[in-house]
Amino acid sequence: MMIILLSMFIASLLPIIIFFLTFLVNKASAPNFEKSTPFECGFDPHSSARIPFSLRFFILAVLFLVFDIEIALLMPVPSMMLLSLKTKLSILAFSIVLALGLFHEWKEGSLEWK
């Protein structure tokens, strides 16, 4: 019981020590505009947040994320081909839903950049 309490004390004390050491070692620098800007978005973080945003760009970005995740889910499919018929049918159904979604977005015109 004493060993458990000692290990819990060390486990909670070690992060606190590291946290305070970072404040001692950290060199303070003046805030820089370039360092405070968000990456790749191009918006000024110090201006108004009520500026118009391209909805077409947002939809295209969300579609990219959705299809990127689905491609990652389809990566292990070749190694799963030795499994049961139920697994193969579920992979086929997933692929059909993915293809139907892609064709719908293509027909709707969401994939075209104007």
PDB file of N, CA and C in Angstrom:
ATOM      1  N   MET A   1       0.821  -1.192   0.000  1.00  0.00           N
ATOM      2  CA  MET A   1       0.000   0.000   0.000  1.00  0.00           C
ATOM      3  C   MET A   1       0.867   1.260   0.000  1.00  0.00           C
ATOM      4  N   MET A   2       1.952   1.206   0.732  1.00  0.00           N
ATOM      5  CA  MET A   2       2.862   2.346   0.812  1.00  0.00           C
ATOM      6  C   MET A   2       3.540   2.599  -0.527  1.00  0.00           C
ATOM      7  N   ILE A   3       3.831   1.546  -1.262  1.00  0.00           N
ATOM      8  CA  ILE A   3       4.474   1.687  -2.567  1.00  0.00           C
ATOM      9  C   ILE A   3       3.530   2.376  -3.555  1.00  0.00           C
ATOM     10  N   ILE A   4       2.267   2.041  -3.488  1.00  0.00           N
ATOM     11  CA  ILE A   4       1.282   2.658  -4.387  1.00  0.00           C
ATOM     12  C   ILE A   4       1.154   4.152  -4.084  1.00  0.00           C
ATOM     13  N   LEU A   5       1.087   4.507  -2.802  1.00  0.00           N
ATOM     14  CA  LEU A   5       0.987   5.919  -2.434  1.00  0.00           C
ATOM     15  C   LEU A   5       2.233   6.692  -2.840  1.00  0.00           C
ATOM     16  N   LEU A   6       3.396   6.081  -2.684  1.00  0.00           N
ATOM     17  CA  LEU A   6       4.641   6.730  -3.070  1.00  0.00           C
ATOM     18  C   LEU A   6       4.713   6.924  -4.587  1.00  0.00           C
ATOM     19  N   SER A   7       4.292   5.923  -5.335  1.00  0.00           N
ATOM     20  CA  SER A   7       4.320   6.052  -6.800  1.00  0.00           C
ATOM     21  C   SER A   7       3.299   7.095  -7.279  1.00  0.00           C
ATOM     22  N   MET A   8       2.143   7.174  -6.615  1.00  0.00           N
ATOM     23  CA  MET A   8       1.161   8.201  -6.975  1.00  0.00           C
ATOM     24  C   MET A   8       1.687   9.602  -6.664  1.00  0.00           C
ATOM     25  N   PHE A   9       2.404   9.737  -5.544  1.00  0.00           N
ATOM     26  CA  PHE A   9       2.983  11.027  -5.184  1.00  0.00           C
ATOM     27  C   PHE A   9       4.040  11.453  -6.192  1.00  0.00           C
ATOM     28  N   ILE A  10       4.892  10.543  -6.583  1.00  0.00           N
ATOM     29  CA  ILE A  10       5.934  10.845  -7.576  1.00  0.00           C
ATOM     30  C   ILE A  10       5.309  11.137  -8.940  1.00  0.00           C
ATOM     31  N   ALA A  11       4.277  10.378  -9.292  1.00  0.00           N
ATOM     32  CA  ALA A  11       3.625  10.582 -10.581  1.00  0.00           C
ATOM     33  C   ALA A  11       2.917  11.931 -10.649  1.00  0.00           C
ATOM     34  N   SER A  12       2.451  12.449  -9.539  1.00  0.00           N
ATOM     35  CA  SER A  12       1.808  13.761  -9.553  1.00  0.00           C
ATOM     36  C   SER A  12       2.815  14.892  -9.335  1.00  0.00           C
ATOM     37  N   LEU A  13       3.904  14.619  -8.668  1.00  0.00           N
ATOM     38  CA  LEU A  13       4.897  15.645  -8.391  1.00  0.00           C
ATOM     39  C   LEU A  13       5.784  15.923  -9.603  1.00  0.00           C
ATOM     40  N   LEU A  14       6.104  14.916 -10.375  1.00  0.00           N
ATOM     41  CA  LEU A  14       6.998  15.075 -11.517  1.00  0.00           C
ATOM     42  C   LEU A  14       6.440  16.036 -12.573  1.00  0.00           C
ATOM     43  N   PRO A  15       5.181  15.934 -12.995  1.00  0.00           N
ATOM     44  CA  PRO A  15       4.679  16.923 -13.953  1.00  0.00           C
ATOM     45  C   PRO A  15       4.637  18.347 -13.404  1.00  0.00           C
ATOM     46  N   ILE A  16       4.379  18.487 -12.117  1.00  0.00           N
ATOM     47  CA  ILE A  16       4.356  19.828 -11.515  1.00  0.00           C
ATOM     48  C   ILE A  16       5.745  20.441 -11.541  1.00  0.00           C
ATOM     49  N   ILE A  17       6.754  19.651 -11.245  1.00  0.00           N
ATOM     50  CA  ILE A  17       8.138  20.141 -11.287  1.00  0.00           C
ATOM     51  C   ILE A  17       8.515  20.544 -12.706  1.00  0.00           C
ATOM     52  N   ILE A  18       8.157  19.728 -13.686  1.00  0.00           N
ATOM     53  CA  ILE A  18       8.475  20.039 -15.081  1.00  0.00           C
ATOM     54  C   ILE A  18       7.731  21.297 -15.523  1.00  0.00           C
ATOM     55  N   PHE A  19       6.500  21.457 -15.081  1.00  0.00           N
ATOM     56  CA  PHE A  19       5.711  22.644 -15.423  1.00  0.00           C
ATOM     57  C   PHE A  19       6.387  23.915 -14.913  1.00  0.00           C
ATOM     58  N   PHE A  20       6.852  23.904 -13.661  1.00  0.00           N
ATOM     59  CA  PHE A  20       7.494  25.086 -13.115  1.00  0.00           C
ATOM     60  C   PHE A  20       8.885  25.306 -13.698  1.00  0.00           C
ATOM     61  N   LEU A  21       9.571  24.256 -14.085  1.00  0.00           N
ATOM     62  CA  LEU A  21      10.871  24.425 -14.729  1.00  0.00           C
ATOM     63  C   LEU A  21      10.743  25.086 -16.095  1.00  0.00           C
ATOM     64  N   THR A  22       9.663  24.828 -16.796  1.00  0.00           N
ATOM     65  CA  THR A  22       9.479  25.486 -18.082  1.00  0.00           C
ATOM     66  C   THR A  22       9.308  26.991 -17.920  1.00  0.00           C
ATOM     67  N   PHE A  23       8.677  27.433 -16.855  1.00  0.00           N
ATOM     68  CA  PHE A  23       8.559  28.869 -16.612  1.00  0.00           C
ATOM     69  C   PHE A  23       9.902  29.494 -16.259  1.00  0.00           C
ATOM     70  N   LEU A  24      10.762  28.744 -15.584  1.00  0.00           N
ATOM     71  CA  LEU A  24      12.076  29.279 -15.241  1.00  0.00           C
ATOM     72  C   LEU A  24      12.987  29.354 -16.463  1.00  0.00           C
ATOM     73  N   VAL A  25      12.913  28.385 -17.321  1.00  0.00           N
ATOM     74  CA  VAL A  25      13.815  28.306 -18.472  1.00  0.00           C
ATOM     75  C   VAL A  25      13.305  29.135 -19.643  1.00  0.00           C
ATOM     76  N   ASN A  26      12.004  29.346 -19.713  1.00  0.00           N
ATOM     77  CA  ASN A  26      11.400  30.041 -20.844  1.00  0.00           C
ATOM     78  C   ASN A  26      11.893  31.478 -20.915  1.00  0.00           C
ATOM     79  N   LYS A  27      12.360  31.868 -22.104  1.00  0.00           N
ATOM     80  CA  LYS A  27      12.735  33.270 -22.278  1.00  0.00           C
ATOM     81  C   LYS A  27      11.535  34.004 -22.862  1.00  0.00           C
ATOM     82  N   ALA A  28      11.156  35.048 -22.231  1.00  0.00           N
ATOM     83  CA  ALA A  28       9.986  35.805 -22.667  1.00  0.00           C
ATOM     84  C   ALA A  28      10.354  36.651 -23.869  1.00  0.00           C
ATOM     85  N   SER A  29       9.493  36.620 -24.856  1.00  0.00           N
ATOM     86  CA  SER A  29       9.713  37.440 -26.038  1.00  0.00           C
ATOM     87  C   SER A  29       8.483  38.298 -26.272  1.00  0.00           C
ATOM     88  N   ALA A  30       8.700  39.385 -26.970  1.00  0.00           N
ATOM     89  CA  ALA A  30       7.585  40.283 -27.273  1.00  0.00           C
ATOM     90  C   ALA A  30       6.663  39.614 -28.278  1.00  0.00           C
ATOM     91  N   PRO A  31       5.355  39.838 -28.175  1.00  0.00           N
ATOM     92  CA  PRO A  31       4.435  39.229 -29.140  1.00  0.00           C
ATOM     93  C   PRO A  31       4.728  39.735 -30.554  1.00  0.00           C
ATOM     94  N   ASN A  32       4.750  38.805 -31.473  1.00  0.00           N
ATOM     95  CA  ASN A  32       5.058  39.110 -32.856  1.00  0.00           C
ATOM     96  C   ASN A  32       3.805  38.873 -33.693  1.00  0.00           C
ATOM     97  N   PHE A  33       3.515  39.785 -34.633  1.00  0.00           N
ATOM     98  CA  PHE A  33       2.313  39.637 -35.459  1.00  0.00           C
ATOM     99  C   PHE A  33       2.381  38.376 -36.315  1.00  0.00           C
ATOM    100  N   GLU A  34       3.540  38.069 -36.857  1.00  0.00           N
ATOM    101  CA  GLU A  34       3.682  36.892 -37.718  1.00  0.00           C
ATOM    102  C   GLU A  34       3.471  35.599 -36.931  1.00  0.00           C
ATOM    103  N   LYS A  35       3.898  35.583 -35.693  1.00  0.00           N
ATOM    104  CA  LYS A  35       3.735  34.375 -34.893  1.00  0.00           C
ATOM    105  C   LYS A  35       2.312  34.197 -34.393  1.00  0.00           C
ATOM    106  N   SER A  36       1.550  35.276 -34.319  1.00  0.00           N
ATOM    107  CA  SER A  36       0.189  35.163 -33.803  1.00  0.00           C
ATOM    108  C   SER A  36      -0.839  34.934 -34.897  1.00  0.00           C
ATOM    109  N   THR A  37      -0.437  34.937 -36.157  1.00  0.00           N
ATOM    110  CA  THR A  37      -1.387  34.691 -37.237  1.00  0.00           C
ATOM    111  C   THR A  37      -1.610  33.206 -37.407  1.00  0.00           C
ATOM    112  N   PRO A  38      -2.813  32.809 -37.732  1.00  0.00           N
ATOM    113  CA  PRO A  38      -3.082  31.387 -37.953  1.00  0.00           C
ATOM    114  C   PRO A  38      -2.449  30.919 -39.257  1.00  0.00           C
ATOM    115  N   PHE A  39      -2.081  29.667 -39.285  1.00  0.00           N
ATOM    116  CA  PHE A  39      -1.425  29.109 -40.457  1.00  0.00           C
ATOM    117  C   PHE A  39      -2.410  28.866 -41.583  1.00  0.00           C
ATOM    118  N   GLU A  40      -2.040  29.224 -42.788  1.00  0.00           N
ATOM    119  CA  GLU A  40      -2.695  28.886 -44.045  1.00  0.00           C
ATOM    120  C   GLU A  40      -4.115  29.423 -44.202  1.00  0.00           C
ATOM    121  N   CYS A  41      -4.642  30.164 -43.278  1.00  0.00           N
ATOM    122  CA  CYS A  41      -6.020  30.600 -43.467  1.00  0.00           C
ATOM    123  C   CYS A  41      -6.077  32.005 -44.027  1.00  0.00           C
ATOM    124  N   GLY A  42      -5.120  32.843 -43.728  1.00  0.00           N
ATOM    125  CA  GLY A  42      -5.068  34.162 -44.315  1.00  0.00           C
ATOM    126  C   GLY A  42      -5.904  35.218 -43.620  1.00  0.00           C
ATOM    127  N   PHE A  43      -6.566  34.898 -42.536  1.00  0.00           N
ATOM    128  CA  PHE A  43      -7.368  35.882 -41.823  1.00  0.00           C
ATOM    129  C   PHE A  43      -6.523  36.553 -40.749  1.00  0.00           C
ATOM    130  N   ASP A  44      -6.792  37.815 -40.535  1.00  0.00           N
ATOM    131  CA  ASP A  44      -6.110  38.560 -39.486  1.00  0.00           C
ATOM    132  C   ASP A  44      -6.795  38.251 -38.157  1.00  0.00           C
ATOM    133  N   PRO A  45      -6.091  37.683 -37.179  1.00  0.00           N
ATOM    134  CA  PRO A  45      -6.744  37.324 -35.909  1.00  0.00           C
ATOM    135  C   PRO A  45      -7.106  38.532 -35.056  1.00  0.00           C
ATOM    136  N   HIS A  46      -6.578  39.698 -35.386  1.00  0.00           N
ATOM    137  CA  HIS A  46      -6.846  40.880 -34.576  1.00  0.00           C
ATOM    138  C   HIS A  46      -7.966  41.741 -35.147  1.00  0.00           C
ATOM    139  N   SER A  47      -8.515  41.345 -36.291  1.00  0.00           N
ATOM    140  CA  SER A  47      -9.599  42.116 -36.891  1.00  0.00           C
ATOM    141  C   SER A  47     -10.945  41.477 -36.533  1.00  0.00           C
ATOM    142  N   SER A  48     -11.986  42.009 -37.094  1.00  0.00           N
ATOM    143  CA  SER A  48     -13.332  41.531 -36.801  1.00  0.00           C
ATOM    144  C   SER A  48     -13.543  40.117 -37.335  1.00  0.00           C
ATOM    145  N   ALA A  49     -14.262  39.320 -36.585  1.00  0.00           N
ATOM    146  CA  ALA A  49     -14.557  37.960 -37.013  1.00  0.00           C
ATOM    147  C   ALA A  49     -15.781  37.895 -37.905  1.00  0.00           C
ATOM    148  N   ARG A  50     -16.425  39.011 -38.129  1.00  0.00           N
ATOM    149  CA  ARG A  50     -17.655  39.057 -38.911  1.00  0.00           C
ATOM    150  C   ARG A  50     -17.382  39.419 -40.370  1.00  0.00           C
ATOM    151  N   ILE A  51     -16.409  38.766 -40.976  1.00  0.00           N
ATOM    152  CA  ILE A  51     -16.124  39.027 -42.385  1.00  0.00           C
ATOM    153  C   ILE A  51     -16.743  37.915 -43.218  1.00  0.00           C
ATOM    154  N   PRO A  52     -17.084  38.194 -44.473  1.00  0.00           N
ATOM    155  CA  PRO A  52     -17.700  37.155 -45.305  1.00  0.00           C
ATOM    156  C   PRO A  52     -16.717  36.018 -45.577  1.00  0.00           C
ATOM    157  N   PHE A  53     -17.240  34.813 -45.579  1.00  0.00           N
ATOM    158  CA  PHE A  53     -16.428  33.620 -45.788  1.00  0.00           C
ATOM    159  C   PHE A  53     -17.012  32.847 -46.959  1.00  0.00           C
ATOM    160  N   SER A  54     -16.160  32.333 -47.794  1.00  0.00           N
ATOM    161  CA  SER A  54     -16.600  31.599 -48.975  1.00  0.00           C
ATOM    162  C   SER A  54     -17.197  30.257 -48.560  1.00  0.00           C
ATOM    163  N   LEU A  55     -18.494  30.121 -48.751  1.00  0.00           N
ATOM    164  CA  LEU A  55     -19.172  28.876 -48.407  1.00  0.00           C
ATOM    165  C   LEU A  55     -18.727  27.745 -49.322  1.00  0.00           C
ATOM    166  N   ARG A  56     -18.433  28.059 -50.585  1.00  0.00           N
ATOM    167  CA  ARG A  56     -17.969  27.046 -51.532  1.00  0.00           C
ATOM    168  C   ARG A  56     -16.628  26.453 -51.073  1.00  0.00           C
ATOM    169  N   PHE A  57     -15.736  27.310 -50.580  1.00  0.00           N
ATOM    170  CA  PHE A  57     -14.456  26.829 -50.063  1.00  0.00           C
ATOM    171  C   PHE A  57     -14.672  25.931 -48.847  1.00  0.00           C
ATOM    172  N   PHE A  58     -15.579  26.317 -47.966  1.00  0.00           N
ATOM    173  CA  PHE A  58     -15.854  25.520 -46.772  1.00  0.00           C
ATOM    174  C   PHE A  58     -16.406  24.151 -47.147  1.00  0.00           C
ATOM    175  N   ILE A  59     -17.354  24.090 -48.082  1.00  0.00           N
ATOM    176  CA  ILE A  59     -17.937  22.813 -48.502  1.00  0.00           C
ATOM    177  C   ILE A  59     -16.883  21.934 -49.146  1.00  0.00           C
ATOM    178  N   LEU A  60     -16.025  22.531 -49.970  1.00  0.00           N
ATOM    179  CA  LEU A  60     -14.958  21.757 -50.607  1.00  0.00           C
ATOM    180  C   LEU A  60     -13.977  21.215 -49.581  1.00  0.00           C
ATOM    181  N   ALA A  61     -13.657  22.000 -48.566  1.00  0.00           N
ATOM    182  CA  ALA A  61     -12.747  21.540 -47.513  1.00  0.00           C
ATOM    183  C   ALA A  61     -13.367  20.403 -46.704  1.00  0.00           C
ATOM    184  N   VAL A  62     -14.652  20.505 -46.380  1.00  0.00           N
ATOM    185  CA  VAL A  62     -15.327  19.438 -45.634  1.00  0.00           C
ATOM    186  C   VAL A  62     -15.398  18.163 -46.478  1.00  0.00           C
ATOM    187  N   LEU A  63     -15.693  18.311 -47.763  1.00  0.00           N
ATOM    188  CA  LEU A  63     -15.715  17.139 -48.651  1.00  0.00           C
ATOM    189  C   LEU A  63     -14.352  16.477 -48.725  1.00  0.00           C
ATOM    190  N   PHE A  64     -13.311  17.292 -48.789  1.00  0.00           N
ATOM    191  CA  PHE A  64     -11.967  16.721 -48.803  1.00  0.00           C
ATOM    192  C   PHE A  64     -11.702  15.919 -47.538  1.00  0.00           C
ATOM    193  N   LEU A  65     -12.078  16.461 -46.383  1.00  0.00           N
ATOM    194  CA  LEU A  65     -11.855  15.737 -45.132  1.00  0.00           C
ATOM    195  C   LEU A  65     -12.648  14.438 -45.078  1.00  0.00           C
ATOM    196  N   VAL A  66     -13.899  14.479 -45.521  1.00  0.00           N
ATOM    197  CA  VAL A  66     -14.735  13.277 -45.490  1.00  0.00           C
ATOM    198  C   VAL A  66     -14.162  12.192 -46.391  1.00  0.00           C
ATOM    199  N   PHE A  67     -13.819  12.556 -47.622  1.00  0.00           N
ATOM    200  CA  PHE A  67     -13.291  11.554 -48.535  1.00  0.00           C
ATOM    201  C   PHE A  67     -11.885  11.110 -48.141  1.00  0.00           C
ATOM    202  N   ASP A  68     -11.129  11.969 -47.502  1.00  0.00           N
ATOM    203  CA  ASP A  68      -9.803  11.581 -47.031  1.00  0.00           C
ATOM    204  C   ASP A  68      -9.917  10.537 -45.924  1.00  0.00           C
ATOM    205  N   ILE A  69     -10.861  10.706 -45.027  1.00  0.00           N
ATOM    206  CA  ILE A  69     -11.062   9.727 -43.956  1.00  0.00           C
ATOM    207  C   ILE A  69     -11.569   8.404 -44.528  1.00  0.00           C
ATOM    208  N   GLU A  70     -12.454   8.485 -45.512  1.00  0.00           N
ATOM    209  CA  GLU A  70     -12.967   7.256 -46.109  1.00  0.00           C
ATOM    210  C   GLU A  70     -11.877   6.501 -46.864  1.00  0.00           C
ATOM    211  N   ILE A  71     -10.968   7.212 -47.486  1.00  0.00           N
ATOM    212  CA  ILE A  71      -9.844   6.542 -48.151  1.00  0.00           C
ATOM    213  C   ILE A  71      -8.966   5.852 -47.114  1.00  0.00           C
ATOM    214  N   ALA A  72      -8.772   6.499 -45.974  1.00  0.00           N
ATOM    215  CA  ALA A  72      -7.986   5.866 -44.911  1.00  0.00           C
ATOM    216  C   ALA A  72      -8.677   4.611 -44.392  1.00  0.00           C
ATOM    217  N   LEU A  73     -10.012   4.611 -44.395  1.00  0.00           N
ATOM    218  CA  LEU A  73     -10.730   3.415 -43.963  1.00  0.00           C
ATOM    219  C   LEU A  73     -10.668   2.304 -45.006  1.00  0.00           C
ATOM    220  N   LEU A  74     -10.472   2.666 -46.272  1.00  0.00           N
ATOM    221  CA  LEU A  74     -10.387   1.656 -47.331  1.00  0.00           C
ATOM    222  C   LEU A  74      -8.978   1.097 -47.526  1.00  0.00           C
ATOM    223  N   MET A  75      -7.993   1.671 -46.867  1.00  0.00           N
ATOM    224  CA  MET A  75      -6.608   1.213 -47.039  1.00  0.00           C
ATOM    225  C   MET A  75      -6.398  -0.264 -46.674  1.00  0.00           C
ATOM    226  N   PRO A  76      -6.946  -0.766 -45.573  1.00  0.00           N
ATOM    227  CA  PRO A  76      -6.673  -2.173 -45.229  1.00  0.00           C
ATOM    228  C   PRO A  76      -7.539  -3.184 -45.978  1.00  0.00           C
ATOM    229  N   VAL A  77      -8.326  -2.757 -46.965  1.00  0.00           N
ATOM    230  CA  VAL A  77      -9.237  -3.660 -47.666  1.00  0.00           C
ATOM    231  C   VAL A  77      -8.508  -4.813 -48.364  1.00  0.00           C
ATOM    232  N   PRO A  78      -7.391  -4.589 -49.053  1.00  0.00           N
ATOM    233  CA  PRO A  78      -6.740  -5.738 -49.707  1.00  0.00           C
ATOM    234  C   PRO A  78      -6.307  -6.839 -48.738  1.00  0.00           C
ATOM    235  N   SER A  79      -5.925  -6.483 -47.538  1.00  0.00           N
ATOM    236  CA  SER A  79      -5.535  -7.511 -46.573  1.00  0.00           C
ATOM    237  C   SER A  79      -6.744  -8.205 -45.955  1.00  0.00           C
ATOM    238  N   MET A  80      -7.947  -7.642 -46.130  1.00  0.00           N
ATOM    239  CA  MET A  80      -9.152  -8.236 -45.562  1.00  0.00           C
ATOM    240  C   MET A  80      -9.888  -9.129 -46.552  1.00  0.00           C
ATOM    241  N   MET A  81      -9.374  -9.292 -47.745  1.00  0.00           N
ATOM    242  CA  MET A  81     -10.081 -10.060 -48.764  1.00  0.00           C
ATOM    243  C   MET A  81     -10.134 -11.562 -48.461  1.00  0.00           C
ATOM    244  N   LEU A  82      -9.331 -12.018 -47.540  1.00  0.00           N
ATOM    245  CA  LEU A  82      -9.362 -13.429 -47.177  1.00  0.00           C
ATOM    246  C   LEU A  82     -10.410 -13.720 -46.109  1.00  0.00           C
ATOM    247  N   LEU A  83     -11.148 -12.737 -45.704  1.00  0.00           N
ATOM    248  CA  LEU A  83     -12.142 -12.910 -44.649  1.00  0.00           C
ATOM    249  C   LEU A  83     -13.466 -13.400 -45.224  1.00  0.00           C
ATOM    250  N   SER A  84     -14.477 -13.380 -44.416  1.00  0.00           N
ATOM    251  CA  SER A  84     -15.764 -13.975 -44.775  1.00  0.00           C
ATOM    252  C   SER A  84     -16.516 -13.162 -45.828  1.00  0.00           C
ATOM    253  N   LEU A  85     -17.589 -13.762 -46.325  1.00  0.00           N
ATOM    254  CA  LEU A  85     -18.435 -13.116 -47.320  1.00  0.00           C
ATOM    255  C   LEU A  85     -19.132 -11.888 -46.728  1.00  0.00           C
ATOM    256  N   LYS A  86     -19.467 -11.959 -45.442  1.00  0.00           N
ATOM    257  CA  LYS A  86     -20.121 -10.834 -44.778  1.00  0.00           C
ATOM    258  C   LYS A  86     -19.205  -9.609 -44.768  1.00  0.00           C
ATOM    259  N   THR A  87     -17.923  -9.818 -44.531  1.00  0.00           N
ATOM    260  CA  THR A  87     -16.963  -8.717 -44.536  1.00  0.00           C
ATOM    261  C   THR A  87     -16.828  -8.134 -45.929  1.00  0.00           C
ATOM    262  N   LYS A  88     -16.775  -9.007 -46.933  1.00  0.00           N
ATOM    263  CA  LYS A  88     -16.660  -8.528 -48.312  1.00  0.00           C
ATOM    264  C   LYS A  88     -17.890  -7.730 -48.731  1.00  0.00           C
ATOM    265  N   LEU A  89     -19.068  -8.174 -48.310  1.00  0.00           N
ATOM    266  CA  LEU A  89     -20.288  -7.449 -48.648  1.00  0.00           C
ATOM    267  C   LEU A  89     -20.355  -6.094 -47.942  1.00  0.00           C
ATOM    268  N   SER A  90     -19.871  -6.026 -46.718  1.00  0.00           N
ATOM    269  CA  SER A  90     -19.872  -4.749 -46.011  1.00  0.00           C
ATOM    270  C   SER A  90     -18.878  -3.772 -46.643  1.00  0.00           C
ATOM    271  N   ILE A  91     -17.741  -4.279 -47.101  1.00  0.00           N
ATOM    272  CA  ILE A  91     -16.777  -3.429 -47.799  1.00  0.00           C
ATOM    273  C   ILE A  91     -17.374  -2.938 -49.114  1.00  0.00           C
ATOM    274  N   LEU A  92     -18.076  -3.812 -49.819  1.00  0.00           N
ATOM    275  CA  LEU A  92     -18.710  -3.438 -51.073  1.00  0.00           C
ATOM    276  C   LEU A  92     -19.795  -2.386 -50.840  1.00  0.00           C
ATOM    277  N   ALA A  93     -20.596  -2.552 -49.798  1.00  0.00           N
ATOM    278  CA  ALA A  93     -21.640  -1.576 -49.487  1.00  0.00           C
ATOM    279  C   ALA A  93     -21.020  -0.224 -49.122  1.00  0.00           C
ATOM    280  N   PHE A  94     -19.951  -0.238 -48.364  1.00  0.00           N
ATOM    281  CA  PHE A  94     -19.254   0.998 -48.002  1.00  0.00           C
ATOM    282  C   PHE A  94     -18.716   1.698 -49.246  1.00  0.00           C
ATOM    283  N   SER A  95     -18.147   0.932 -50.160  1.00  0.00           N
ATOM    284  CA  SER A  95     -17.611   1.508 -51.393  1.00  0.00           C
ATOM    285  C   SER A  95     -18.720   2.072 -52.275  1.00  0.00           C
ATOM    286  N   ILE A  96     -19.862   1.390 -52.322  1.00  0.00           N
ATOM    287  CA  ILE A  96     -20.976   1.887 -53.127  1.00  0.00           C
ATOM    288  C   ILE A  96     -21.515   3.199 -52.555  1.00  0.00           C
ATOM    289  N   VAL A  97     -21.658   3.278 -51.237  1.00  0.00           N
ATOM    290  CA  VAL A  97     -22.116   4.521 -50.612  1.00  0.00           C
ATOM    291  C   VAL A  97     -21.113   5.643 -50.870  1.00  0.00           C
ATOM    292  N   LEU A  98     -19.833   5.337 -50.809  1.00  0.00           N
ATOM    293  CA  LEU A  98     -18.793   6.323 -51.086  1.00  0.00           C
ATOM    294  C   LEU A  98     -18.882   6.808 -52.530  1.00  0.00           C
ATOM    295  N   ALA A  99     -19.052   5.886 -53.477  1.00  0.00           N
ATOM    296  CA  ALA A  99     -19.149   6.259 -54.892  1.00  0.00           C
ATOM    297  C   ALA A  99     -20.422   7.059 -55.164  1.00  0.00           C
ATOM    298  N   LEU A 100     -21.535   6.679 -54.556  1.00  0.00           N
ATOM    299  CA  LEU A 100     -22.775   7.432 -54.740  1.00  0.00           C
ATOM    300  C   LEU A 100     -22.652   8.851 -54.192  1.00  0.00           C
ATOM    301  N   GLY A 101     -22.000   8.994 -53.066  1.00  0.00           N
ATOM    302  CA  GLY A 101     -21.775  10.335 -52.510  1.00  0.00           C
ATOM    303  C   GLY A 101     -20.893  11.176 -53.401  1.00  0.00           C
ATOM    304  N   LEU A 102     -19.866  10.558 -53.966  1.00  0.00           N
ATOM    305  CA  LEU A 102     -18.981  11.281 -54.874  1.00  0.00           C
ATOM    306  C   LEU A 102     -19.721  11.720 -56.128  1.00  0.00           C
ATOM    307  N   PHE A 103     -20.516  10.841 -56.716  1.00  0.00           N
ATOM    308  CA  PHE A 103     -21.268  11.189 -57.913  1.00  0.00           C
ATOM    309  C   PHE A 103     -22.316  12.270 -57.627  1.00  0.00           C
ATOM    310  N   HIS A 104     -22.943  12.213 -56.454  1.00  0.00           N
ATOM    311  CA  HIS A 104     -23.920  13.237 -56.078  1.00  0.00           C
ATOM    312  C   HIS A 104     -23.255  14.610 -55.979  1.00  0.00           C
ATOM    313  N   GLU A 105     -22.105  14.668 -55.306  1.00  0.00           N
ATOM    314  CA  GLU A 105     -21.403  15.944 -55.168  1.00  0.00           C
ATOM    315  C   GLU A 105     -20.896  16.438 -56.524  1.00  0.00           C
ATOM    316  N   TRP A 106     -20.493  15.527 -57.385  1.00  0.00           N
ATOM    317  CA  TRP A 106     -20.021  15.891 -58.710  1.00  0.00           C
ATOM    318  C   TRP A 106     -21.178  16.459 -59.541  1.00  0.00           C
ATOM    319  N   LYS A 107     -22.345  15.781 -59.487  1.00  0.00           N
ATOM    320  CA  LYS A 107     -23.503  16.230 -60.235  1.00  0.00           C
ATOM    321  C   LYS A 107     -24.028  17.573 -59.707  1.00  0.00           C
ATOM    322  N   GLU A 108     -23.956  17.762 -58.404  1.00  0.00           N
ATOM    323  CA  GLU A 108     -24.401  19.003 -57.782  1.00  0.00           C
ATOM    324  C   GLU A 108     -23.496  20.179 -58.130  1.00  0.00           C
ATOM    325  N   GLY A 109     -22.250  19.895 -58.457  1.00  0.00           N
ATOM    326  CA  GLY A 109     -21.292  20.947 -58.820  1.00  0.00           C
ATOM    327  C   GLY A 109     -20.455  21.425 -57.664  1.00  0.00           C
ATOM    328  N   SER A 110     -20.446  20.704 -56.563  1.00  0.00           N
ATOM    329  CA  SER A 110     -19.665  21.132 -55.395  1.00  0.00           C
ATOM    330  C   SER A 110     -18.178  20.932 -55.587  1.00  0.00           C
ATOM    331  N   LEU A 111     -17.787  20.089 -56.529  1.00  0.00           N
ATOM    332  CA  LEU A 111     -16.372  19.806 -56.732  1.00  0.00           C
ATOM    333  C   LEU A 111     -15.723  20.773 -57.717  1.00  0.00           C
ATOM    334  N   GLU A 112     -16.528  21.633 -58.365  1.00  0.00           N
ATOM    335  CA  GLU A 112     -15.999  22.578 -59.333  1.00  0.00           C
ATOM    336  C   GLU A 112     -15.648  23.885 -58.640  1.00  0.00           C
ATOM    337  N   TRP A 113     -14.479  24.386 -58.945  1.00  0.00           N
ATOM    338  CA  TRP A 113     -14.048  25.645 -58.366  1.00  0.00           C
ATOM    339  C   TRP A 113     -14.263  26.754 -59.397  1.00  0.00           C
ATOM    340  N   LYS A 114     -15.093  27.728 -59.046  1.00  0.00           N
ATOM    341  CA  LYS A 114     -15.429  28.789 -60.016  1.00  0.00           C
ATOM    342  C   LYS A 114     -14.649  30.038 -59.725  1.00  0.00           C
TER     343      LYS A 114
END
